[in-house]
Protein backbone atom coordinates (compact mmCIF):
# COMPACT_ATOMS: atom_id res chain seq x y z
CA MET A 1 -220.13 -47.25 -42.69
CA SER A 2 -223.54 -46.36 -41.29
CA GLU A 3 -223.91 -42.96 -39.62
CA SER A 4 -225.23 -44.77 -36.53
CA TRP A 5 -221.65 -45.28 -35.32
CA LYS A 6 -221.50 -41.59 -34.43
CA GLU A 7 -224.48 -41.87 -32.09
CA LYS A 8 -222.79 -44.67 -30.13
CA LEU A 9 -219.61 -42.74 -29.37
CA TYR A 10 -220.98 -40.46 -26.69
CA GLU A 11 -222.47 -41.40 -23.36
CA PRO A 12 -224.04 -39.23 -20.64
CA SER A 13 -221.47 -38.07 -18.12
CA ASP A 14 -223.83 -38.44 -15.16
CA GLU A 15 -224.80 -41.89 -13.87
CA LEU A 16 -228.44 -42.75 -13.39
CA ILE A 17 -227.69 -46.12 -11.79
CA ALA A 18 -224.33 -47.26 -10.40
CA VAL A 19 -223.62 -51.00 -10.00
CA GLU A 20 -220.47 -52.11 -8.22
CA ASN A 21 -218.90 -55.39 -7.08
CA VAL A 22 -221.56 -57.59 -8.68
CA ASN A 23 -220.57 -61.19 -9.45
CA TYR A 24 -222.58 -63.53 -11.68
CA GLU A 25 -221.82 -67.12 -12.64
CA GLY A 26 -223.77 -68.73 -15.43
CA PRO A 27 -224.64 -68.29 -19.09
CA GLU A 28 -225.05 -64.89 -20.71
CA PRO A 29 -228.68 -63.80 -20.15
CA ILE A 30 -230.85 -63.41 -23.23
CA VAL A 31 -233.09 -60.34 -23.18
CA GLU A 32 -235.99 -60.44 -25.61
CA GLY A 33 -236.22 -57.46 -27.94
CA GLU A 34 -232.70 -56.26 -27.16
CA GLY A 35 -230.43 -55.64 -30.16
CA THR A 36 -227.06 -57.30 -30.49
CA PRO A 37 -224.32 -55.09 -28.94
CA GLU A 38 -221.70 -53.81 -31.36
CA GLU A 39 -218.65 -56.05 -31.48
CA GLU A 40 -215.41 -54.61 -30.20
CA LEU A 41 -212.71 -53.97 -32.80
CA ILE A 42 -209.77 -54.50 -30.45
CA THR A 43 -209.75 -56.33 -27.12
CA ILE A 44 -206.92 -55.65 -24.65
CA ASP A 45 -207.01 -58.27 -21.92
CA HIS A 46 -204.78 -58.16 -18.80
CA VAL A 47 -201.75 -56.85 -20.69
CA ASP A 48 -198.46 -56.47 -18.84
CA LEU A 49 -195.13 -55.57 -20.39
CA SER A 50 -191.73 -55.82 -18.75
CA TYR A 51 -188.27 -55.26 -20.16
CA ASP A 52 -184.82 -56.15 -18.88
CA GLY A 53 -183.06 -53.58 -16.72
CA ASN A 54 -179.62 -53.50 -15.13
CA THR A 55 -181.01 -54.80 -11.85
CA GLY A 56 -183.73 -57.07 -13.24
CA PRO A 57 -187.07 -56.82 -15.06
CA ILE A 58 -188.73 -53.39 -15.17
CA LYS A 59 -192.50 -53.29 -15.62
CA ALA A 60 -193.66 -50.70 -18.17
CA LEU A 61 -197.38 -51.59 -18.28
CA GLU A 62 -199.51 -53.34 -15.67
CA ASP A 63 -202.87 -55.08 -16.11
CA ILE A 64 -204.18 -53.01 -19.02
CA ASN A 65 -207.81 -53.88 -19.79
CA PHE A 66 -210.15 -52.10 -22.21
CA ASN A 67 -211.88 -52.56 -25.55
CA ILE A 68 -211.82 -50.32 -28.61
CA PHE A 69 -215.01 -50.09 -30.66
CA PRO A 70 -215.40 -49.19 -34.35
CA GLY A 71 -215.45 -45.45 -35.06
CA GLU A 72 -214.00 -44.34 -31.73
CA PHE A 73 -211.37 -41.61 -31.53
CA ILE A 74 -209.42 -42.56 -28.41
CA CYS A 75 -206.78 -40.24 -26.99
CA VAL A 76 -204.36 -41.60 -24.38
CA LEU A 77 -202.91 -39.23 -21.77
CA GLY A 78 -200.50 -39.76 -18.89
CA PRO A 79 -197.21 -38.61 -17.36
CA SER A 80 -193.99 -38.96 -19.36
CA GLY A 81 -192.64 -42.50 -19.23
CA CYS A 82 -195.97 -44.09 -18.27
CA GLY A 83 -196.03 -46.45 -21.26
CA LYS A 84 -198.35 -44.66 -23.71
CA SER A 85 -196.14 -45.23 -26.74
CA THR A 86 -195.34 -48.74 -25.53
CA LEU A 87 -199.05 -49.55 -25.55
CA LEU A 88 -199.36 -48.21 -29.10
CA LYS A 89 -196.40 -50.37 -30.20
CA ILE A 90 -198.18 -53.43 -28.81
CA LEU A 91 -201.35 -52.56 -30.77
CA ALA A 92 -199.23 -52.02 -33.90
CA GLY A 93 -197.58 -55.43 -33.47
CA PHE A 94 -194.07 -53.99 -33.10
CA ILE A 95 -193.66 -55.70 -29.72
CA ALA A 96 -195.57 -58.44 -27.91
CA PRO A 97 -196.90 -58.12 -24.34
CA THR A 98 -195.11 -60.06 -21.63
CA THR A 99 -198.46 -61.42 -20.45
CA GLY A 100 -202.04 -60.93 -21.59
CA THR A 101 -203.50 -60.73 -25.08
CA VAL A 102 -204.42 -58.12 -27.69
CA LYS A 103 -206.91 -59.18 -30.36
CA LEU A 104 -208.13 -57.48 -33.53
CA GLU A 105 -211.62 -58.71 -34.43
CA GLY A 106 -211.05 -61.83 -32.32
CA GLU A 107 -207.65 -62.70 -33.81
CA GLU A 108 -204.54 -62.26 -31.67
CA ILE A 109 -202.18 -59.59 -33.01
CA GLU A 110 -198.86 -61.12 -34.04
CA GLY A 111 -196.54 -58.76 -35.90
CA THR A 112 -197.36 -55.88 -38.19
CA ASP A 113 -199.75 -55.77 -41.13
CA TRP A 114 -201.74 -53.25 -43.17
CA HIS A 115 -204.83 -53.63 -40.96
CA ARG A 116 -203.16 -51.22 -38.51
CA GLY A 117 -201.78 -47.97 -39.93
CA VAL A 118 -199.21 -46.03 -37.90
CA VAL A 119 -198.40 -42.30 -37.96
CA PHE A 120 -195.30 -41.22 -36.00
CA GLN A 121 -194.20 -37.83 -34.70
CA HIS A 122 -191.37 -37.80 -37.24
CA PRO A 123 -192.79 -39.25 -40.49
CA PRO A 124 -190.58 -42.04 -41.91
CA LEU A 125 -191.02 -40.87 -45.50
CA TYR A 126 -188.74 -41.47 -48.49
CA ASN A 127 -187.12 -38.11 -49.19
CA TRP A 128 -186.03 -39.06 -52.72
CA TYR A 129 -189.62 -40.00 -53.68
CA SER A 130 -192.34 -37.60 -54.69
CA VAL A 131 -195.40 -37.07 -52.52
CA ARG A 132 -197.40 -39.22 -54.95
CA LYS A 133 -194.92 -42.12 -54.80
CA ASN A 134 -194.79 -41.98 -50.98
CA VAL A 135 -198.57 -42.19 -50.67
CA GLY A 136 -198.79 -45.02 -53.20
CA PHE A 137 -195.90 -47.00 -51.69
CA GLY A 138 -198.03 -49.27 -49.46
CA PRO A 139 -200.48 -50.46 -52.13
CA LYS A 140 -197.56 -50.96 -54.56
CA VAL A 141 -195.70 -53.17 -52.07
CA ARG A 142 -198.90 -55.13 -51.44
CA GLY A 143 -199.00 -55.91 -55.15
CA LEU A 144 -202.10 -53.92 -56.13
CA PRO A 145 -202.31 -53.06 -59.83
CA LYS A 146 -201.19 -49.51 -60.67
CA GLU A 147 -204.52 -48.72 -62.32
CA GLU A 148 -206.25 -49.68 -59.06
CA TYR A 149 -204.20 -47.71 -56.56
CA GLU A 150 -203.37 -44.55 -58.54
CA PRO A 151 -206.96 -43.21 -58.30
CA LEU A 152 -206.76 -43.87 -54.55
CA VAL A 153 -203.57 -41.82 -54.36
CA ASP A 154 -205.39 -38.89 -55.97
CA GLU A 155 -208.34 -39.35 -53.59
CA TYR A 156 -206.22 -39.29 -50.44
CA LEU A 157 -204.03 -36.43 -51.63
CA GLU A 158 -207.23 -34.45 -52.04
CA LYS A 159 -208.42 -35.48 -48.56
CA VAL A 160 -205.25 -34.09 -46.96
CA GLY A 161 -205.10 -31.02 -49.21
CA LEU A 162 -201.93 -31.91 -51.11
CA SER A 163 -203.19 -32.47 -54.68
CA GLU A 164 -201.18 -29.57 -56.07
CA PHE A 165 -197.99 -30.83 -54.37
CA ALA A 166 -198.23 -34.41 -55.71
CA GLU A 167 -194.97 -34.23 -57.70
CA LYS A 168 -192.95 -32.40 -55.04
CA LYS A 169 -190.14 -34.24 -53.26
CA ILE A 170 -190.56 -34.77 -49.52
CA TYR A 171 -187.60 -32.53 -48.64
CA GLU A 172 -189.37 -29.64 -50.36
CA LEU A 173 -192.32 -29.78 -47.92
CA SER A 174 -192.85 -28.15 -44.52
CA GLY A 175 -193.19 -30.30 -41.40
CA GLY A 176 -196.98 -29.97 -41.40
CA MET A 177 -197.21 -30.99 -45.05
CA GLN A 178 -194.96 -33.99 -44.43
CA GLN A 179 -197.29 -35.09 -41.64
CA ARG A 180 -200.23 -34.82 -44.05
CA VAL A 181 -198.37 -37.13 -46.44
CA SER A 182 -197.83 -39.57 -43.58
CA ILE A 183 -201.56 -39.55 -42.75
CA ALA A 184 -202.51 -40.13 -46.40
CA ARG A 185 -199.97 -42.94 -46.70
CA ALA A 186 -201.46 -44.68 -43.68
CA LEU A 187 -205.09 -44.19 -44.74
CA ILE A 188 -204.71 -45.38 -48.34
CA ASN A 189 -204.32 -48.97 -47.12
CA ASN A 190 -207.77 -48.68 -45.48
CA PRO A 191 -206.59 -49.98 -42.08
CA GLU A 192 -209.05 -51.11 -39.44
CA ILE A 193 -207.47 -48.64 -37.02
CA LEU A 194 -205.12 -45.67 -37.32
CA LEU A 195 -202.46 -45.52 -34.58
CA MET A 196 -200.98 -42.05 -34.07
CA ASP A 197 -198.00 -41.56 -31.73
CA GLU A 198 -197.81 -37.87 -30.76
CA PRO A 199 -198.01 -37.01 -34.46
CA PHE A 200 -198.23 -33.22 -34.03
CA GLY A 201 -195.77 -32.77 -31.16
CA ALA A 202 -193.00 -31.33 -33.35
CA LEU A 203 -195.24 -28.83 -35.19
CA ASP A 204 -195.66 -25.14 -34.42
CA ALA A 205 -198.93 -24.05 -32.81
CA LEU A 206 -200.68 -22.78 -35.96
CA THR A 207 -199.69 -25.80 -38.06
CA ARG A 208 -200.69 -28.17 -35.26
CA GLU A 209 -204.16 -26.65 -35.07
CA SER A 210 -204.57 -26.97 -38.85
CA VAL A 211 -203.56 -30.65 -38.89
CA GLN A 212 -205.77 -31.34 -35.86
CA ASP A 213 -208.73 -29.92 -37.81
CA LEU A 214 -207.82 -32.12 -40.79
CA THR A 215 -207.57 -35.27 -38.66
CA ARG A 216 -210.91 -34.58 -36.94
CA LYS A 217 -212.56 -33.98 -40.32
CA ILE A 218 -211.19 -37.20 -41.83
CA TRP A 219 -212.26 -39.20 -38.77
CA TRP A 220 -215.78 -37.78 -38.83
CA GLU A 221 -216.25 -38.23 -42.57
CA THR A 222 -214.77 -41.74 -42.84
CA GLY A 223 -215.68 -43.30 -39.48
CA LYS A 224 -212.10 -44.55 -39.17
CA THR A 225 -211.12 -45.77 -35.68
CA ILE A 226 -208.20 -43.74 -34.28
CA PHE A 227 -205.92 -44.43 -31.30
CA PHE A 228 -203.96 -41.27 -30.56
CA ILE A 229 -201.11 -40.68 -28.07
CA THR A 230 -200.64 -37.14 -26.76
CA HIS A 231 -199.22 -35.17 -23.82
CA ASP A 232 -201.57 -32.27 -24.54
CA VAL A 233 -204.82 -32.30 -22.52
CA GLU A 234 -206.46 -29.66 -24.73
CA GLU A 235 -205.56 -31.61 -27.86
CA ALA A 236 -207.17 -34.73 -26.40
CA LEU A 237 -210.37 -32.87 -25.51
CA LEU A 238 -210.60 -31.23 -28.95
CA LEU A 239 -210.12 -34.51 -30.86
CA ALA A 240 -211.32 -37.45 -28.82
CA SER A 241 -214.65 -39.17 -28.37
CA ARG A 242 -213.03 -41.06 -25.47
CA ILE A 243 -210.01 -40.33 -23.27
CA ILE A 244 -207.96 -42.93 -21.41
CA VAL A 245 -205.50 -41.82 -18.71
CA LEU A 246 -202.54 -43.94 -17.63
CA SER A 247 -200.85 -43.74 -14.25
CA ARG A 248 -197.20 -43.04 -13.62
CA HIS A 249 -194.82 -45.94 -14.38
CA PRO A 250 -195.82 -48.74 -14.53
CA GLY A 251 -198.77 -47.59 -16.61
CA ARG A 252 -202.25 -48.63 -15.46
CA VAL A 253 -205.61 -47.31 -16.66
CA ILE A 254 -206.83 -44.86 -14.00
CA GLU A 255 -209.52 -43.03 -15.99
CA ASP A 256 -211.66 -43.78 -19.02
CA ILE A 257 -214.18 -41.09 -20.00
CA HIS A 258 -216.33 -40.16 -22.99
CA VAL A 259 -216.27 -36.56 -24.19
CA ASP A 260 -218.40 -34.69 -26.71
CA PHE A 261 -216.36 -31.66 -27.79
CA SER A 262 -215.16 -33.10 -31.11
CA ARG A 263 -218.76 -33.75 -32.20
CA GLN A 264 -219.78 -30.23 -31.21
CA ILE A 265 -216.92 -28.74 -33.23
CA VAL A 266 -217.87 -30.70 -36.36
CA GLU A 267 -221.67 -30.66 -36.17
CA GLU A 268 -222.29 -27.32 -34.49
CA ASN A 269 -219.21 -25.41 -35.67
CA ALA A 270 -218.38 -24.73 -32.01
CA THR A 271 -214.97 -23.25 -32.75
CA ASP A 272 -214.79 -21.42 -29.40
CA ILE A 273 -215.59 -24.50 -27.35
CA LYS A 274 -212.29 -24.44 -25.47
CA PHE A 275 -213.49 -21.24 -23.74
CA THR A 276 -216.63 -22.84 -22.31
CA GLU A 277 -217.11 -23.74 -18.65
CA GLU A 278 -217.60 -27.43 -19.47
CA PHE A 279 -214.34 -27.62 -21.42
CA TYR A 280 -212.50 -25.88 -18.58
CA LYS A 281 -213.99 -28.33 -16.08
CA TYR A 282 -212.75 -31.38 -18.02
CA ARG A 283 -209.37 -29.78 -18.64
CA GLU A 284 -208.80 -29.09 -14.95
CA GLN A 285 -210.05 -32.54 -13.94
CA LEU A 286 -207.60 -34.27 -16.30
CA LEU A 287 -204.68 -32.01 -15.40
CA ARG A 288 -205.21 -32.62 -11.67
CA LEU A 289 -205.39 -36.37 -12.27
CA ILE A 290 -202.19 -36.46 -14.32
CA ASN A 291 -200.24 -34.10 -12.05
CA SER A 292 -201.25 -36.06 -8.95
CA GLN A 293 -199.36 -39.10 -10.16
C-alpha cells in the first residue's frame, strides 16, 4: 500500500469554512483537475438494530451513518451498554441490522468471511494446539497449501514477537502473549479490516501498554484498517487516527473526530505525549461528552 494513505488520515481540527443545511438536487458536479476521492472501504447507512425484550422490541442502535476509509484506525467510545460491541458484530457479519445496510467495498455484508478479522477480549484459541498451529489454522481451513502458509506463520509470529514460542501450547502463555497469538491469527488471513472488541481490557497495565505499542506499530507498518472498541479514553487517543463516540442506549453517533497522537508517537517518538496540553484537552473533552450522557 502506498505511503500516501497516512497523509489522508489526519485533518485540521479547526474549520476554515463551515457549511450547514445545504441541499442540492442534480448530478454530481465534475471539477476539472480534481483527483478522484478515495473510495470508502465500509459504508454504514442508516443502521438500526432492535432485539426482542420482555415488553417488546428494544432498540440497541439508532440511525448509524458513517464510512470507514482504507488505512484508518478508528476507536469507538461510549457509555456501557450503548451498542459498541453490537456495532462491531454487525461489521463482522455475526448479526444483521434490523434496518439499514453495511457494505464492504460496495457489497452488502452477509455473514462472516476472512475479509474481516476479529480479535476478542478473551481470545478463542485452541489450548491443545501449539502457537504455530493456532496462527496457521485459518489458512489451513481455507485450503491453502502448507508450503504457502507456513512461511506466513513465521512472518506473523515475528511481527508479534512470538517466534521463540512457536511450539508452546496456548495454556503455557501469559494473557498478553495469548492476545498476540490472536492478533497474528487474524492478520495472517490478510483481512480488509481488523475488528477488535476491547482486546486489552483483561490485561494488566504494563502488558496492555506493550500490546498497544505492538498494535500501533503493526497498523502503521502495514496500513491495515482497524476498528477498535474500547472504554478507555486514553487508549483511544494513543491509538486512533479517528474517534467515534456513541450516545447512551440506543447508540447514536454524537461525535466523530480526527486525532494525530498516534502518528506523533510513531514518527516523532513522542512517548510523553499523554502529558501534553493538547492531549489533556482532548481527553477532558471526550470524558465530558461521555459522562454527560
